[in-house]
Amino acid sequence: MLQSSKTRFLLAASGAACALALGFSPVALANYVKPTMHHAPFGTVRMVVPITSSDPGVWAFKLRNIANSEKGIKAWKGKLEARVVLYGPGLKLLEEPMDPALQATVDQLRREGVRFAICNNTLKGMNLDWHTLYGVRESDIVPSGFLEVAWLAEHGWAVDPMN
């Protein structure tokens, strides 16, 4: 007996509903394609990532984007120059004690060459001693985080707009 496409759909949908009702997750099938570049090779990409949020979820998202970009650009024979500029509540990202997973991510990014710039205005405004921030050296401190982002943008760096 031949089934119509409508009948097959209803049978499949009712089967999925039964599986969900019984606590089973339906198997998700994804169709992936091999990515292709439709432009010149990446070469060197310079990206500044301002972090002004005190939300650990935002930190994780931004740092994961940088880490994924590091892996991806190497696969495509390019180079990423990334700078994280911390100002305002974003400075809390490097406050001790740190979550071990966050600390490991920061350490890995630093090994990859990612620089973390610290806003001196925020240090003064929040009355923070830069010595209490994880892995910060005096040479990491910039006069103004906001202006550092603007200066880098004026000098050819792309700016991550999401914060």
C-alpha atoms as a PDB file:
ATOM      1  CA  MET A   1       0.000   0.000   0.000  1.00  0.00           C
ATOM      2  CA  LEU A   2       1.408   3.392  -0.973  1.00  0.00           C
ATOM      3  CA  GLN A   3       1.385   6.154   1.615  1.00  0.00           C
ATOM      4  CA  SER A   4       0.907   9.777   0.718  1.00  0.00           C
ATOM      5  CA  SER A   5       3.546  12.297   1.794  1.00  0.00           C
ATOM      6  CA  LYS A   6       0.986  13.755   4.203  1.00  0.00           C
ATOM      7  CA  THR A   7       0.479  10.330   5.821  1.00  0.00           C
ATOM      8  CA  ARG A   8       4.246   9.751   6.078  1.00  0.00           C
ATOM      9  CA  PHE A   9       4.646  13.171   7.708  1.00  0.00           C
ATOM     10  CA  LEU A  10       1.887  12.473  10.236  1.00  0.00           C
ATOM     11  CA  LEU A  11       3.401   9.071  11.093  1.00  0.00           C
ATOM     12  CA  ALA A  12       6.847  10.601  11.540  1.00  0.00           C
ATOM     13  CA  ALA A  13       5.477  13.461  13.633  1.00  0.00           C
ATOM     14  CA  SER A  14       3.459  11.114  15.861  1.00  0.00           C
ATOM     15  CA  GLY A  15       6.540   8.895  16.297  1.00  0.00           C
ATOM     16  CA  ALA A  16       8.629  11.898  17.351  1.00  0.00           C
ATOM     17  CA  ALA A  17       5.886  13.014  19.759  1.00  0.00           C
ATOM     18  CA  CYS A  18       5.791   9.524  21.302  1.00  0.00           C
ATOM     19  CA  ALA A  19       9.579   9.491  21.679  1.00  0.00           C
ATOM     20  CA  LEU A  20       9.499  12.878  23.409  1.00  0.00           C
ATOM     21  CA  ALA A  21       6.653  11.758  25.680  1.00  0.00           C
ATOM     22  CA  LEU A  22       8.698   8.716  26.708  1.00  0.00           C
ATOM     23  CA  GLY A  23      11.705  10.898  27.461  1.00  0.00           C
ATOM     24  CA  PHE A  24      13.742  10.078  24.381  1.00  0.00           C
ATOM     25  CA  SER A  25      15.432  12.810  22.420  1.00  0.00           C
ATOM     26  CA  PRO A  26      14.962  12.699  18.686  1.00  0.00           C
ATOM     27  CA  VAL A  27      18.163  12.352  16.726  1.00  0.00           C
ATOM     28  CA  ALA A  28      19.081  15.632  15.120  1.00  0.00           C
ATOM     29  CA  LEU A  29      20.523  15.397  11.660  1.00  0.00           C
ATOM     30  CA  ALA A  30      22.578  18.287  10.436  1.00  0.00           C
ATOM     31  CA  ASN A  31      23.806  18.769   6.930  1.00  0.00           C
ATOM     32  CA  TYR A  32      27.214  20.398   6.996  1.00  0.00           C
ATOM     33  CA  VAL A  33      29.208  21.556   4.048  1.00  0.00           C
ATOM     34  CA  LYS A  34      32.906  22.070   3.654  1.00  0.00           C
ATOM     35  CA  PRO A  35      33.481  25.818   4.011  1.00  0.00           C
ATOM     36  CA  THR A  36      34.994  27.731   1.145  1.00  0.00           C
ATOM     37  CA  MET A  37      36.493  31.183   1.019  1.00  0.00           C
ATOM     38  CA  HIS A  38      35.169  33.491  -1.629  1.00  0.00           C
ATOM     39  CA  HIS A  39      37.834  36.125  -1.054  1.00  0.00           C
ATOM     40  CA  ALA A  40      41.589  36.430  -0.847  1.00  0.00           C
ATOM     41  CA  PRO A  41      43.368  34.387   1.852  1.00  0.00           C
ATOM     42  CA  PHE A  42      43.019  35.768   5.366  1.00  0.00           C
ATOM     43  CA  GLY A  43      46.627  36.812   5.821  1.00  0.00           C
ATOM     44  CA  THR A  44      46.864  38.732   9.095  1.00  0.00           C
ATOM     45  CA  VAL A  45      43.598  39.743  10.730  1.00  0.00           C
ATOM     46  CA  ARG A  46      43.737  42.291  13.560  1.00  0.00           C
ATOM     47  CA  MET A  47      40.801  42.267  15.975  1.00  0.00           C
ATOM     48  CA  VAL A  48      40.234  44.255  19.156  1.00  0.00           C
ATOM     49  CA  VAL A  49      37.702  42.825  21.576  1.00  0.00           C
ATOM     50  CA  PRO A  50      36.487  45.337  24.159  1.00  0.00           C
ATOM     51  CA  ILE A  51      35.031  43.806  27.317  1.00  0.00           C
ATOM     52  CA  THR A  52      33.067  46.161  29.525  1.00  0.00           C
ATOM     53  CA  SER A  53      30.669  43.658  31.093  1.00  0.00           C
ATOM     54  CA  SER A  54      30.941  42.011  34.495  1.00  0.00           C
ATOM     55  CA  ASP A  55      28.921  39.046  33.179  1.00  0.00           C
ATOM     56  CA  PRO A  56      30.970  35.809  33.135  1.00  0.00           C
ATOM     57  CA  GLY A  57      28.742  34.553  30.316  1.00  0.00           C
ATOM     58  CA  VAL A  58      29.819  37.470  28.129  1.00  0.00           C
ATOM     59  CA  TRP A  59      33.467  36.822  29.039  1.00  0.00           C
ATOM     60  CA  ALA A  60      33.189  33.142  28.108  1.00  0.00           C
ATOM     61  CA  PHE A  61      31.469  33.965  24.817  1.00  0.00           C
ATOM     62  CA  LYS A  62      34.056  36.542  23.768  1.00  0.00           C
ATOM     63  CA  LEU A  63      37.075  34.475  24.819  1.00  0.00           C
ATOM     64  CA  ARG A  64      35.633  31.396  23.077  1.00  0.00           C
ATOM     65  CA  ASN A  65      35.192  33.460  19.887  1.00  0.00           C
ATOM     66  CA  ILE A  66      38.859  34.466  20.032  1.00  0.00           C
ATOM     67  CA  ALA A  67      39.993  30.873  20.694  1.00  0.00           C
ATOM     68  CA  ASN A  68      37.851  29.533  17.827  1.00  0.00           C
ATOM     69  CA  SER A  69      39.193  32.242  15.527  1.00  0.00           C
ATOM     70  CA  GLU A  70      42.773  31.321  16.463  1.00  0.00           C
ATOM     71  CA  LYS A  71      42.114  27.702  15.482  1.00  0.00           C
ATOM     72  CA  GLY A  72      40.206  28.617  12.334  1.00  0.00           C
ATOM     73  CA  ILE A  73      42.672  31.113  10.951  1.00  0.00           C
ATOM     74  CA  LYS A  74      45.563  28.683  11.395  1.00  0.00           C
ATOM     75  CA  ALA A  75      43.625  26.073   9.421  1.00  0.00           C
ATOM     76  CA  TRP A  76      43.295  28.624   6.616  1.00  0.00           C
ATOM     77  CA  LYS A  77      46.999  29.608   6.789  1.00  0.00           C
ATOM     78  CA  GLY A  78      46.409  33.051   8.270  1.00  0.00           C
ATOM     79  CA  LYS A  79      47.382  34.843  11.461  1.00  0.00           C
ATOM     80  CA  LEU A  80      45.199  36.484  14.090  1.00  0.00           C
ATOM     81  CA  GLU A  81      46.422  39.431  16.125  1.00  0.00           C
ATOM     82  CA  ALA A  82      43.903  39.841  18.916  1.00  0.00           C
ATOM     83  CA  ARG A  83      43.788  42.347  21.707  1.00  0.00           C
ATOM     84  CA  VAL A  84      41.289  42.258  24.567  1.00  0.00           C
ATOM     85  CA  VAL A  85      40.713  45.694  26.083  1.00  0.00           C
ATOM     86  CA  LEU A  86      39.216  45.589  29.561  1.00  0.00           C
ATOM     87  CA  TYR A  87      37.581  48.672  31.025  1.00  0.00           C
ATOM     88  CA  GLY A  88      34.718  49.480  33.342  1.00  0.00           C
ATOM     89  CA  PRO A  89      33.207  46.396  34.980  1.00  0.00           C
ATOM     90  CA  GLY A  90      35.009  44.245  32.382  1.00  0.00           C
ATOM     91  CA  LEU A  91      38.145  44.516  34.514  1.00  0.00           C
ATOM     92  CA  LYS A  92      36.520  42.029  36.890  1.00  0.00           C
ATOM     93  CA  LEU A  93      37.412  39.314  34.351  1.00  0.00           C
ATOM     94  CA  LEU A  94      40.970  39.272  35.723  1.00  0.00           C
ATOM     95  CA  GLU A  95      40.159  39.728  39.413  1.00  0.00           C
ATOM     96  CA  GLU A  96      41.529  37.060  41.729  1.00  0.00           C
ATOM     97  CA  PRO A  97      40.422  34.479  42.646  1.00  0.00           C
ATOM     98  CA  MET A  98      39.456  33.338  39.159  1.00  0.00           C
ATOM     99  CA  ASP A  99      37.402  30.388  38.053  1.00  0.00           C
ATOM    100  CA  PRO A 100      39.947  27.718  37.018  1.00  0.00           C
ATOM    101  CA  ALA A 101      38.355  27.262  33.572  1.00  0.00           C
ATOM    102  CA  LEU A 102      38.471  31.015  32.916  1.00  0.00           C
ATOM    103  CA  GLN A 103      42.076  31.162  34.102  1.00  0.00           C
ATOM    104  CA  ALA A 104      43.021  28.293  31.767  1.00  0.00           C
ATOM    105  CA  THR A 105      41.356  30.076  28.842  1.00  0.00           C
ATOM    106  CA  VAL A 106      43.159  33.344  29.593  1.00  0.00           C
ATOM    107  CA  ASP A 107      46.471  31.457  29.899  1.00  0.00           C
ATOM    108  CA  GLN A 108      45.909  29.676  26.576  1.00  0.00           C
ATOM    109  CA  LEU A 109      45.014  32.899  24.773  1.00  0.00           C
ATOM    110  CA  ARG A 110      48.091  34.630  26.155  1.00  0.00           C
ATOM    111  CA  ARG A 111      50.232  31.719  24.903  1.00  0.00           C
ATOM    112  CA  GLU A 112      48.637  32.235  21.480  1.00  0.00           C
ATOM    113  CA  GLY A 113      49.758  35.872  21.568  1.00  0.00           C
ATOM    114  CA  VAL A 114      46.508  37.555  22.620  1.00  0.00           C
ATOM    115  CA  ARG A 115      47.262  40.708  24.611  1.00  0.00           C
ATOM    116  CA  PHE A 116      45.054  41.977  27.414  1.00  0.00           C
ATOM    117  CA  ALA A 117      45.041  45.784  27.800  1.00  0.00           C
ATOM    118  CA  ILE A 118      43.926  47.248  31.132  1.00  0.00           C
ATOM    119  CA  CYS A 119      42.297  50.676  31.469  1.00  0.00           C
ATOM    120  CA  ASN A 120      44.113  52.953  33.907  1.00  0.00           C
ATOM    121  CA  ASN A 121      41.021  55.175  34.272  1.00  0.00           C
ATOM    122  CA  THR A 122      39.076  52.138  35.494  1.00  0.00           C
ATOM    123  CA  LEU A 123      41.860  51.130  37.886  1.00  0.00           C
ATOM    124  CA  LYS A 124      41.702  54.617  39.428  1.00  0.00           C
ATOM    125  CA  GLY A 125      37.900  54.823  39.349  1.00  0.00           C
ATOM    126  CA  MET A 126      37.440  51.414  40.985  1.00  0.00           C
ATOM    127  CA  ASN A 127      40.414  51.983  43.325  1.00  0.00           C
ATOM    128  CA  LEU A 128      42.052  48.745  42.119  1.00  0.00           C
ATOM    129  CA  ASP A 129      45.707  47.830  42.433  1.00  0.00           C
ATOM    130  CA  TRP A 130      46.800  46.335  39.096  1.00  0.00           C
ATOM    131  CA  HIS A 131      48.997  43.872  41.039  1.00  0.00           C
ATOM    132  CA  THR A 132      45.808  42.104  42.180  1.00  0.00           C
ATOM    133  CA  LEU A 133      44.721  41.310  38.613  1.00  0.00           C
ATOM    134  CA  TYR A 134      45.642  37.935  37.160  1.00  0.00           C
ATOM    135  CA  GLY A 135      48.791  37.992  35.048  1.00  0.00           C
ATOM    136  CA  VAL A 136      48.777  41.752  34.484  1.00  0.00           C
ATOM    137  CA  ARG A 137      52.087  43.511  33.905  1.00  0.00           C
ATOM    138  CA  GLU A 138      52.622  47.235  34.140  1.00  0.00           C
ATOM    139  CA  SER A 139      53.120  47.330  30.363  1.00  0.00           C
ATOM    140  CA  ASP A 140      49.517  46.033  29.913  1.00  0.00           C
ATOM    141  CA  ILE A 141      48.054  49.233  31.352  1.00  0.00           C
ATOM    142  CA  VAL A 142      46.771  51.810  28.867  1.00  0.00           C
ATOM    143  CA  PRO A 143      45.627  55.355  29.751  1.00  0.00           C
ATOM    144  CA  SER A 144      42.012  54.771  28.640  1.00  0.00           C
ATOM    145  CA  GLY A 145      40.421  51.514  27.501  1.00  0.00           C
ATOM    146  CA  PHE A 146      37.789  53.349  25.498  1.00  0.00           C
ATOM    147  CA  LEU A 147      40.410  55.430  23.693  1.00  0.00           C
ATOM    148  CA  GLU A 148      42.616  52.365  23.141  1.00  0.00           C
ATOM    149  CA  VAL A 149      39.763  50.704  21.245  1.00  0.00           C
ATOM    150  CA  ALA A 150      39.223  53.871  19.187  1.00  0.00           C
ATOM    151  CA  TRP A 151      42.940  54.223  18.436  1.00  0.00           C
ATOM    152  CA  LEU A 152      43.214  50.606  17.303  1.00  0.00           C
ATOM    153  CA  ALA A 153      40.124  51.052  15.096  1.00  0.00           C
ATOM    154  CA  GLU A 154      41.695  54.141  13.532  1.00  0.00           C
ATOM    155  CA  HIS A 155      44.811  52.083  12.797  1.00  0.00           C
ATOM    156  CA  GLY A 156      43.171  49.248  10.898  1.00  0.00           C
ATOM    157  CA  TRP A 157      41.966  46.946  13.667  1.00  0.00           C
ATOM    158  CA  ALA A 158      38.450  45.538  13.403  1.00  0.00           C
ATOM    159  CA  VAL A 159      36.374  46.051  16.552  1.00  0.00           C
ATOM    160  CA  ASP A 160      34.091  43.352  17.934  1.00  0.00           C
ATOM    161  CA  PRO A 161      30.863  45.332  18.396  1.00  0.00           C
ATOM    162  CA  MET A 162      29.037  42.945  20.736  1.00  0.00           C
ATOM    163  CA  ASN A 163      29.409  43.461  24.457  1.00  0.00           C
END
